Protein backbone atom coordinates (compact mmCIF):
# COMPACT_ATOMS: atom_id res chain seq x y z
CA UNK A 1 23.54 21.45 -23.63
CA UNK A 2 21.12 24.24 -22.81
CA UNK A 3 21.88 26.30 -19.73
CA UNK A 4 19.51 27.66 -17.15
CA UNK A 5 19.28 31.44 -17.34
CA UNK A 6 19.80 32.85 -13.85
CA UNK A 7 17.35 35.41 -12.51
CA UNK A 8 19.44 38.21 -11.04
CA UNK A 9 16.87 39.05 -8.34
CA UNK A 10 17.77 35.77 -6.63
CA UNK A 11 20.71 37.54 -4.98
CA UNK A 12 18.29 39.92 -3.27
CA UNK A 13 16.07 36.94 -2.41
CA UNK A 14 18.97 35.39 -0.49
CA UNK A 15 19.36 38.61 1.49
CA UNK A 16 15.62 38.74 2.20
CA UNK A 17 15.55 35.12 3.41
CA UNK A 18 18.64 35.54 5.58
CA UNK A 19 17.25 38.68 7.18
CA UNK A 20 13.89 36.98 7.82
CA UNK A 21 15.34 33.92 9.55
CA UNK A 22 17.91 35.84 11.59
CA UNK A 23 15.22 38.23 12.83
CA UNK A 24 13.12 35.24 13.84
CA UNK A 25 16.08 33.78 15.69
CA UNK A 26 16.61 37.01 17.63
CA UNK A 27 12.89 37.29 18.38
CA UNK A 28 12.86 33.76 19.78
CA UNK A 29 15.52 34.78 22.30
CA UNK A 30 13.86 38.09 23.23
CA UNK A 31 11.60 37.73 26.30
CA UNK A 32 9.56 40.75 25.17
CA UNK A 33 8.86 39.46 21.65
CA UNK A 34 6.16 36.88 20.86
CA UNK A 35 6.59 34.29 18.08
CA UNK A 36 3.70 32.60 16.29
CA UNK A 37 3.91 29.55 14.07
CA UNK A 38 1.49 29.71 11.16
CA UNK A 39 0.44 27.32 8.41
CA UNK A 40 1.41 28.57 4.98
CA UNK A 41 -2.12 29.62 4.07
CA UNK A 42 -3.15 30.55 7.59
CA UNK A 43 -4.22 34.00 8.86
CA UNK A 44 -0.78 35.63 8.80
CA UNK A 45 -2.24 39.13 8.57
CA UNK A 46 -4.00 38.72 11.91
CA UNK A 47 -0.81 37.55 13.62
CA UNK A 48 1.18 40.46 12.22
CA UNK A 49 -1.48 42.88 13.41
CA UNK A 50 -0.73 41.71 16.96
CA UNK A 51 3.02 42.19 16.40
CA UNK A 52 3.91 38.50 16.41
CA UNK A 53 7.01 37.42 14.49
CA UNK A 54 5.69 34.69 12.25
CA UNK A 55 7.39 31.38 11.41
CA UNK A 56 6.13 28.91 8.77
CA UNK A 57 7.08 25.25 9.36
CA UNK A 58 6.07 24.32 5.80
CA UNK A 59 8.83 26.48 4.38
CA UNK A 60 11.28 24.84 6.76
CA UNK A 61 10.30 21.34 5.70
CA UNK A 62 10.43 22.30 2.00
CA UNK A 63 14.06 23.13 2.76
CA UNK A 64 14.48 19.63 4.20
CA UNK A 65 13.11 18.27 0.94
CA UNK A 66 15.12 20.46 -1.42
CA UNK A 67 18.28 19.68 0.59
CA UNK A 68 17.54 15.97 0.02
CA UNK A 69 17.86 15.17 3.73
CA UNK A 70 14.18 14.53 4.55
CA UNK A 71 14.59 10.76 4.39
CA UNK A 72 17.11 10.95 7.22
CA UNK A 73 14.37 12.27 9.51
CA UNK A 74 11.15 10.55 8.39
CA UNK A 75 12.02 7.25 10.17
CA UNK A 76 12.56 9.15 13.44
CA UNK A 77 8.96 10.38 13.40
CA UNK A 78 7.74 6.95 12.32
CA UNK A 79 9.47 5.49 15.39
CA UNK A 80 7.32 7.86 17.48
CA UNK A 81 4.17 6.30 16.06
CA UNK A 82 3.56 8.55 13.05
CA UNK A 83 2.56 6.62 9.94
CA UNK A 84 4.92 6.69 6.92
CA UNK A 85 1.78 7.17 4.81
CA UNK A 86 0.91 10.60 6.22
CA UNK A 87 2.37 13.93 5.05
CA UNK A 88 6.14 13.71 4.63
CA UNK A 89 6.32 17.40 5.48
CA UNK A 90 5.02 16.47 8.93
CA UNK A 91 7.22 13.41 9.45
CA UNK A 92 10.45 14.95 8.16
CA UNK A 93 9.95 18.15 10.17
CA UNK A 94 9.15 16.36 13.43
CA UNK A 95 12.02 13.94 12.85
CA UNK A 96 14.48 16.79 12.31
CA UNK A 97 13.22 18.50 15.47
CA UNK A 98 13.64 15.34 17.53
CA UNK A 99 17.21 15.01 16.22
CA UNK A 100 17.82 18.70 17.01
CA UNK A 101 18.91 19.46 13.44
CA UNK A 102 17.80 22.07 10.91
CA UNK A 103 18.90 23.21 7.44
CA UNK A 104 18.62 26.77 8.77
CA UNK A 105 22.04 26.35 10.33
CA UNK A 106 23.87 25.84 7.06
CA UNK A 107 21.74 28.27 5.06
CA UNK A 108 21.33 31.17 7.50
CA UNK A 109 23.57 30.49 10.53
CA UNK A 110 20.51 29.81 12.73
CA UNK A 111 21.01 26.98 15.20
CA UNK A 112 17.40 25.98 15.86
CA UNK A 113 13.83 26.73 14.86
CA UNK A 114 12.26 29.57 16.89
CA UNK A 115 10.30 28.59 19.97
CA UNK A 116 6.58 29.39 19.59
CA UNK A 117 4.28 31.25 21.94
CA UNK A 118 1.26 30.09 19.93
CA UNK A 119 0.60 27.86 16.91
CA UNK A 120 -2.06 28.82 14.37
CA UNK A 121 -3.32 26.72 11.45
CA UNK A 122 -6.08 26.53 8.87
CA UNK A 123 -7.45 23.17 7.74
CA UNK A 124 -8.11 24.57 4.24
CA UNK A 125 -4.99 22.57 3.28
CA UNK A 126 -5.55 19.26 5.04
CA UNK A 127 -6.12 17.44 8.32
CA UNK A 128 -2.40 16.72 8.72
CA UNK A 129 -1.52 20.36 9.42
CA UNK A 130 -3.66 20.21 12.58
CA UNK A 131 -1.89 17.09 13.87
CA UNK A 132 1.53 18.47 12.88
CA UNK A 133 1.01 21.65 14.90
CA UNK A 134 -0.55 19.70 17.77
CA UNK A 135 2.77 17.86 18.25
CA UNK A 136 4.57 21.16 18.81
CA UNK A 137 1.79 22.57 21.01
CA UNK A 138 2.24 19.57 23.31
CA UNK A 139 6.02 19.73 23.13
CA UNK A 140 6.29 23.45 23.95
CA UNK A 141 3.13 23.54 26.12
CA UNK A 142 1.70 26.52 24.24
CA UNK A 143 -1.79 27.30 22.86
CA UNK A 144 -2.97 25.77 19.57
CA UNK A 145 -5.53 27.80 17.59
CA UNK A 146 -7.19 26.64 14.39
CA UNK A 147 -9.54 27.69 11.63
CA UNK A 148 -11.66 24.76 10.42
CA UNK A 149 -12.64 25.47 6.83
CA UNK A 150 -15.53 24.03 4.82
CA UNK A 151 -14.32 21.39 2.37
CA UNK A 152 -14.90 20.47 -1.29
CA UNK A 153 -16.56 23.77 -2.11
CA UNK A 154 -18.13 24.28 -5.52
CA UNK A 155 -19.00 27.98 -5.23
CA UNK A 156 -18.17 30.03 -2.15
CA UNK A 157 -21.30 31.51 -0.61
CA UNK A 158 -21.97 33.89 2.23
CA UNK A 159 -22.55 31.11 4.75
CA UNK A 160 -19.02 29.79 4.09
CA UNK A 161 -17.60 33.28 4.58
CA UNK A 162 -19.61 33.94 7.74
CA UNK A 163 -18.54 30.60 9.25
CA UNK A 164 -14.82 31.27 8.76
CA UNK A 165 -15.09 34.98 9.61
CA UNK A 166 -16.60 34.18 13.00
CA UNK A 167 -13.71 31.79 13.74
CA UNK A 168 -11.20 34.49 12.78
CA UNK A 169 -12.83 36.96 15.17
CA UNK A 170 -12.79 34.41 17.99
CA UNK A 171 -9.13 33.72 17.22
CA UNK A 172 -8.47 37.46 17.41
CA UNK A 173 -9.79 37.51 20.98
CA UNK A 174 -7.41 34.70 21.95
CA UNK A 175 -4.44 36.31 20.20
CA UNK A 176 -5.10 39.55 22.05
CA UNK A 177 -4.62 37.75 25.36
CA UNK A 178 -1.57 35.76 24.23
CA UNK A 179 0.20 38.75 22.68
CA UNK A 180 -0.64 41.22 25.42
CA UNK A 181 -1.52 43.75 22.72
CA UNK A 182 -4.91 45.30 22.07
CA UNK A 183 -6.57 44.61 18.73
CA UNK A 184 -6.24 47.58 16.38
CA UNK A 185 -8.35 47.41 13.25
CA UNK A 186 -6.06 49.87 11.48
CA UNK A 187 -3.09 47.52 11.92
CA UNK A 188 -5.07 44.62 10.47
CA UNK A 189 -6.15 46.79 7.54
CA UNK A 190 -2.50 47.66 6.89
CA UNK A 191 -1.32 44.04 6.90
CA UNK A 192 -4.22 42.95 4.66
CA UNK A 193 -3.38 45.82 2.29
CA UNK A 194 0.25 44.70 2.09
CA UNK A 195 -0.80 41.08 1.53
CA UNK A 196 -3.07 42.18 -1.31
CA UNK A 197 -0.23 44.17 -2.87
CA UNK A 198 2.05 41.14 -2.56
CA UNK A 199 -0.63 38.95 -4.13
CA UNK A 200 -1.15 41.34 -7.05
CA UNK A 201 2.57 41.60 -7.74
CA UNK A 202 3.04 37.83 -7.45
CA UNK A 203 0.23 37.47 -9.98
CA UNK A 204 2.09 39.84 -12.33
CA UNK A 205 5.24 37.74 -11.93
CA UNK A 206 3.47 34.46 -12.68
CA UNK A 207 1.54 35.91 -15.62
CA UNK A 208 4.68 36.97 -17.44
CA UNK A 209 4.73 33.28 -18.40
CA UNK A 210 1.66 33.85 -20.60
CA UNK A 211 4.09 35.35 -23.12
CA UNK A 212 5.60 33.04 -25.74
CA UNK A 213 8.42 32.30 -25.11
CA UNK A 214 8.03 32.41 -21.35
CA UNK A 215 10.64 34.28 -19.29
CA UNK A 216 9.83 32.25 -16.17
CA UNK A 217 9.16 28.62 -15.20
CA UNK A 218 7.33 26.73 -12.49
CA UNK A 219 10.72 25.73 -11.08
CA UNK A 220 11.71 29.40 -10.80
CA UNK A 221 8.38 30.04 -9.10
CA UNK A 222 9.08 27.41 -6.43
CA UNK A 223 12.13 29.43 -5.40
CA UNK A 224 10.81 32.96 -5.77
CA UNK A 225 7.52 32.26 -4.00
CA UNK A 226 9.25 32.52 -0.59
CA UNK A 227 8.24 36.14 0.16
CA UNK A 228 4.62 35.41 -0.84
CA UNK A 229 4.60 32.59 1.70
CA UNK A 230 6.59 33.89 4.67
CA UNK A 231 6.53 37.68 4.24
CA UNK A 232 3.08 38.55 2.95
CA UNK A 233 1.60 41.32 5.04
CA UNK A 234 5.01 43.05 5.16
CA UNK A 235 6.49 45.77 2.96
CA UNK A 236 9.59 43.75 2.12
CA UNK A 237 7.57 41.25 0.07
CA UNK A 238 6.06 44.09 -1.96
CA UNK A 239 9.49 45.56 -2.60
CA UNK A 240 10.91 42.21 -3.67
CA UNK A 241 8.18 41.43 -6.19
CA UNK A 242 8.45 44.87 -7.71
CA UNK A 243 12.13 44.11 -8.32
CA UNK A 244 11.44 40.64 -9.74
CA UNK A 245 8.53 41.83 -11.88
CA UNK A 246 10.69 44.54 -13.42
CA UNK A 247 13.41 42.03 -14.33
CA UNK A 248 10.92 39.66 -15.92
CA UNK A 249 9.28 42.46 -17.90
CA UNK A 250 12.71 43.34 -19.25
CA UNK A 251 13.12 39.71 -20.28
CA UNK A 252 9.81 39.88 -22.12
CA UNK A 253 10.78 43.10 -23.91
CA UNK A 254 14.12 41.61 -24.96
CA UNK A 255 12.70 38.22 -25.93
CA UNK A 256 14.73 36.37 -23.29
CA UNK A 257 13.29 32.87 -22.84
CA UNK A 258 13.62 30.78 -19.69
CA UNK A 259 13.86 27.75 -21.99
CA UNK A 260 15.88 28.47 -25.11
CA UNK A 261 13.96 27.63 -28.30
CA UNK A 262 10.85 26.86 -26.27
CA UNK A 263 8.84 24.23 -28.13
CA UNK A 264 6.35 22.83 -25.61
CA UNK A 265 4.38 24.59 -22.89
CA UNK A 266 3.42 22.48 -19.87
CA UNK A 267 1.29 22.86 -16.76
CA UNK A 268 2.24 21.30 -13.39
CA UNK A 269 -0.57 20.18 -11.09
CA UNK A 270 0.23 19.26 -7.49
CA UNK A 271 3.21 19.68 -5.21
CA UNK A 272 6.83 20.04 -6.37
CA UNK A 273 9.14 17.08 -5.93
CA UNK A 274 11.44 19.16 -3.76
CA UNK A 275 14.47 16.88 -3.79
CA UNK A 276 14.36 16.65 -7.60
CA UNK A 277 13.56 20.26 -8.43
CA UNK A 278 16.84 20.86 -10.26
CA UNK A 279 16.84 17.43 -11.94
CA UNK A 280 13.30 17.90 -13.26
CA UNK A 281 14.02 21.47 -14.31
CA UNK A 282 17.09 20.47 -16.28
CA UNK A 283 15.35 17.58 -18.02
CA UNK A 284 12.51 19.78 -19.25
CA UNK A 285 15.08 22.38 -20.31
CA UNK A 286 16.89 19.82 -22.47
CA UNK A 287 13.60 18.73 -24.01
CA UNK A 288 12.74 22.36 -24.92
CA UNK A 289 9.69 22.09 -22.67
CA UNK A 290 8.79 25.00 -20.41
CA UNK A 291 6.56 24.37 -17.40
CA UNK A 292 4.89 27.76 -17.55
CA UNK A 293 2.21 27.52 -14.86
CA UNK A 294 1.05 25.51 -11.85
CA UNK A 295 -1.69 25.22 -9.28
CA UNK A 296 0.96 25.20 -6.54
CA UNK A 297 2.56 28.60 -7.14
CA UNK A 298 -0.87 30.14 -7.75
CA UNK A 299 -1.97 29.01 -4.29
CA UNK A 300 -0.53 32.27 -2.90
CA UNK A 301 -2.71 34.53 -5.04
CA UNK A 302 -5.29 36.07 -2.70
CA UNK A 303 -7.11 38.57 -4.89
CA UNK A 304 -10.20 38.49 -2.63
CA UNK A 305 -8.36 40.29 0.17
CA UNK A 306 -9.83 43.72 0.90
CA UNK A 307 -8.41 45.97 3.65
CA UNK A 308 -11.77 47.73 4.01
CA UNK A 309 -13.38 44.48 5.20
CA UNK A 310 -10.38 42.57 6.56
CA UNK A 311 -12.08 39.69 8.40
CA UNK A 312 -14.64 38.76 5.75
CA UNK A 313 -12.16 39.14 2.89
CA UNK A 314 -9.59 36.96 4.68
CA UNK A 315 -12.31 34.37 5.19
CA UNK A 316 -13.17 34.42 1.49
CA UNK A 317 -9.57 34.45 0.26
CA UNK A 318 -8.37 31.56 2.42
CA UNK A 319 -11.51 29.47 1.90
CA UNK A 320 -11.27 29.84 -1.88
CA UNK A 321 -7.93 28.05 -2.05
CA UNK A 322 -7.68 25.61 -4.99
CA UNK A 323 -6.93 22.63 -2.74
CA UNK A 324 -10.18 23.33 -0.87
CA UNK A 325 -12.47 23.21 -3.91
CA UNK A 326 -14.66 20.50 -5.45
CA UNK A 327 -13.48 18.31 -8.32
CA UNK A 328 -15.70 20.10 -10.84
CA UNK A 329 -14.52 23.52 -9.64
CA UNK A 330 -10.89 22.42 -10.01
CA UNK A 331 -11.60 21.12 -13.51
CA UNK A 332 -13.06 24.48 -14.58
CA UNK A 333 -9.95 26.17 -13.25
CA UNK A 334 -7.61 23.83 -15.14
CA UNK A 335 -9.61 24.32 -18.34
CA UNK A 336 -9.15 28.09 -18.01
CA UNK A 337 -5.43 27.77 -17.29
CA UNK A 338 -4.76 25.54 -20.30
CA UNK A 339 -6.29 28.20 -22.56
CA UNK A 340 -4.72 31.17 -20.81
CA UNK A 341 -1.18 29.77 -20.96
CA UNK A 342 -1.53 27.92 -24.30
CA UNK A 343 -0.73 24.59 -22.65
CA UNK A 344 0.40 21.64 -24.77
CA UNK A 345 0.48 19.08 -21.95
CA UNK A 346 -0.26 18.70 -18.24
CA UNK A 347 1.93 17.01 -15.62
CA UNK A 348 -0.06 15.60 -12.68
CA UNK A 349 2.14 14.87 -9.67
CA UNK A 350 0.58 12.10 -7.63
CA UNK A 351 2.32 12.65 -4.29
CA UNK A 352 2.07 9.51 -2.16
CA UNK A 353 1.83 11.28 1.20
CA UNK A 354 -0.16 14.31 0.01
CA UNK A 355 -3.52 13.05 -1.28
CA UNK A 356 -5.16 16.39 -0.52
CA UNK A 357 -2.94 18.17 -3.03
CA UNK A 358 -2.92 15.37 -5.63
CA UNK A 359 -5.72 15.33 -8.19
CA UNK A 360 -5.26 11.91 -9.72
CA UNK A 361 -7.36 9.60 -7.54
CA UNK A 362 -10.86 10.24 -8.89
CA UNK A 363 -10.44 10.30 -12.65
CA UNK A 364 -9.60 13.96 -13.12
CA UNK A 365 -6.67 13.50 -15.56
CA UNK A 366 -8.88 11.51 -17.95
CA UNK A 367 -11.75 13.99 -17.69
CA UNK A 368 -9.45 16.97 -18.25
CA UNK A 369 -7.99 15.35 -21.36
CA UNK A 370 -11.48 14.74 -22.71
CA UNK A 371 -12.58 18.30 -21.89
CA UNK A 372 -9.52 20.13 -23.25
CA UNK A 373 -7.93 17.67 -25.71
CA UNK A 374 -4.67 18.41 -23.87
CA UNK A 375 -2.75 15.18 -23.07
CA UNK A 376 -1.34 14.58 -19.61
CA UNK A 377 1.22 12.53 -17.74
CA UNK A 378 0.89 11.28 -14.15
CA UNK A 379 4.16 11.15 -12.19
CA UNK A 380 4.11 8.98 -9.06
CA UNK A 381 6.43 10.49 -6.46
CA UNK A 382 6.22 12.57 -3.28
CA UNK A 383 6.95 16.06 -2.02
CA UNK A 384 9.70 14.99 0.43
CA UNK A 385 9.97 11.20 0.58
CA UNK A 386 12.42 10.26 -2.18
CA UNK A 387 12.17 6.56 -1.33
CA UNK A 388 9.06 6.44 -3.50
CA UNK A 389 10.69 8.27 -6.42
CA UNK A 390 12.11 6.31 -9.34
CA UNK A 391 14.67 8.46 -11.17
CA UNK A 392 14.88 6.31 -14.29
CA UNK A 393 11.17 5.62 -14.58
CA UNK A 394 10.28 9.30 -14.18
CA UNK A 395 12.91 10.38 -16.69
CA UNK A 396 11.75 7.79 -19.23
CA UNK A 397 8.07 8.69 -18.77
CA UNK A 398 8.77 12.39 -19.28
CA UNK A 399 10.80 11.70 -22.43
CA UNK A 400 8.00 9.50 -23.81
CA UNK A 401 5.42 12.19 -23.00
CA UNK A 402 7.36 14.85 -24.89
CA UNK A 403 7.70 12.46 -27.82
CA UNK A 404 3.93 12.04 -27.71
CA UNK A 405 3.50 15.84 -27.86
CA UNK A 406 5.92 16.00 -30.78
CA UNK A 407 3.73 13.56 -32.70
CA UNK A 408 0.51 15.49 -32.19
């Protein structure tokens, strides 16, 4: 049997994650320190510029999924009136909160999630993020601030940027009052600069997979993306990706493949199946198939950030998110990625409770296959709710798909 090749930087990643969560825990107990909750592609740079410690519930609920305990909590939220059809990130996170349990305890010796002084979201991801954060705003009786992004964008134009930029500036006024700190443009420029550096280095990491054989997989990316999500805008994320990038470049130089005897190169569209990350990774490994790229991991590439024009560049970067684009715009992107990474096949994850981040409902897989002549497989599952995941069916479908590629 093939073995997964460990990435040595993961030891430092554990230290980075532990330090991040323990600092958040201390900040939550410090009466002089303000804590902000932020959606994963929300305006983190602005919060950091006001000296908030920033917590990301989406990372917490991905931990619930990867720990395979989300289904313990989803029914608790459903009992409160939340539909089982809405985002399982939302239902599992609220359920865990209501049961006063968190995977942070086992992983980082943190007893509870930090208490927020403000919650900030961006609807560039979905409507559910607004309702998710609204639950906590009511529970903790704290302000809820949101950016409402234009949807289904073909090409971003100046009116889109102006619309979001104005909301960011209004949010800045509110954050100034909540934090008790004056707005300093220089601080915002610094955090945007660090986010851009993080984004550029994360891009370097992901693009090492262009090389054949690839030194890195989508499944590795789901683990190593943590600093890009929860620590962008801070120096520590820059330092970490320099370390990881160096290790991967050494792999490239020495011909070290993430998948030994790599035979097939795949693309993953949609969310990870968090509770089956290892299972899926190992199956593709055995089949000599390397999932070299994904829309998900690339969602934290913000190359439009510019510290010289922080507000307008944040507006452009966060509005240009893949999930926020039109079907035709997404198709152009996927066409480019299949060429860039020499893709042999595409995996579309149709996540039951995440229709916003699933691209299977309106005929895209068929159109992409016609446009690129790259075959694809649709996997029906979910990001956190494993009750809708069929182990045997998924395994059989993946095996049949690889056999199909072998016959082409």
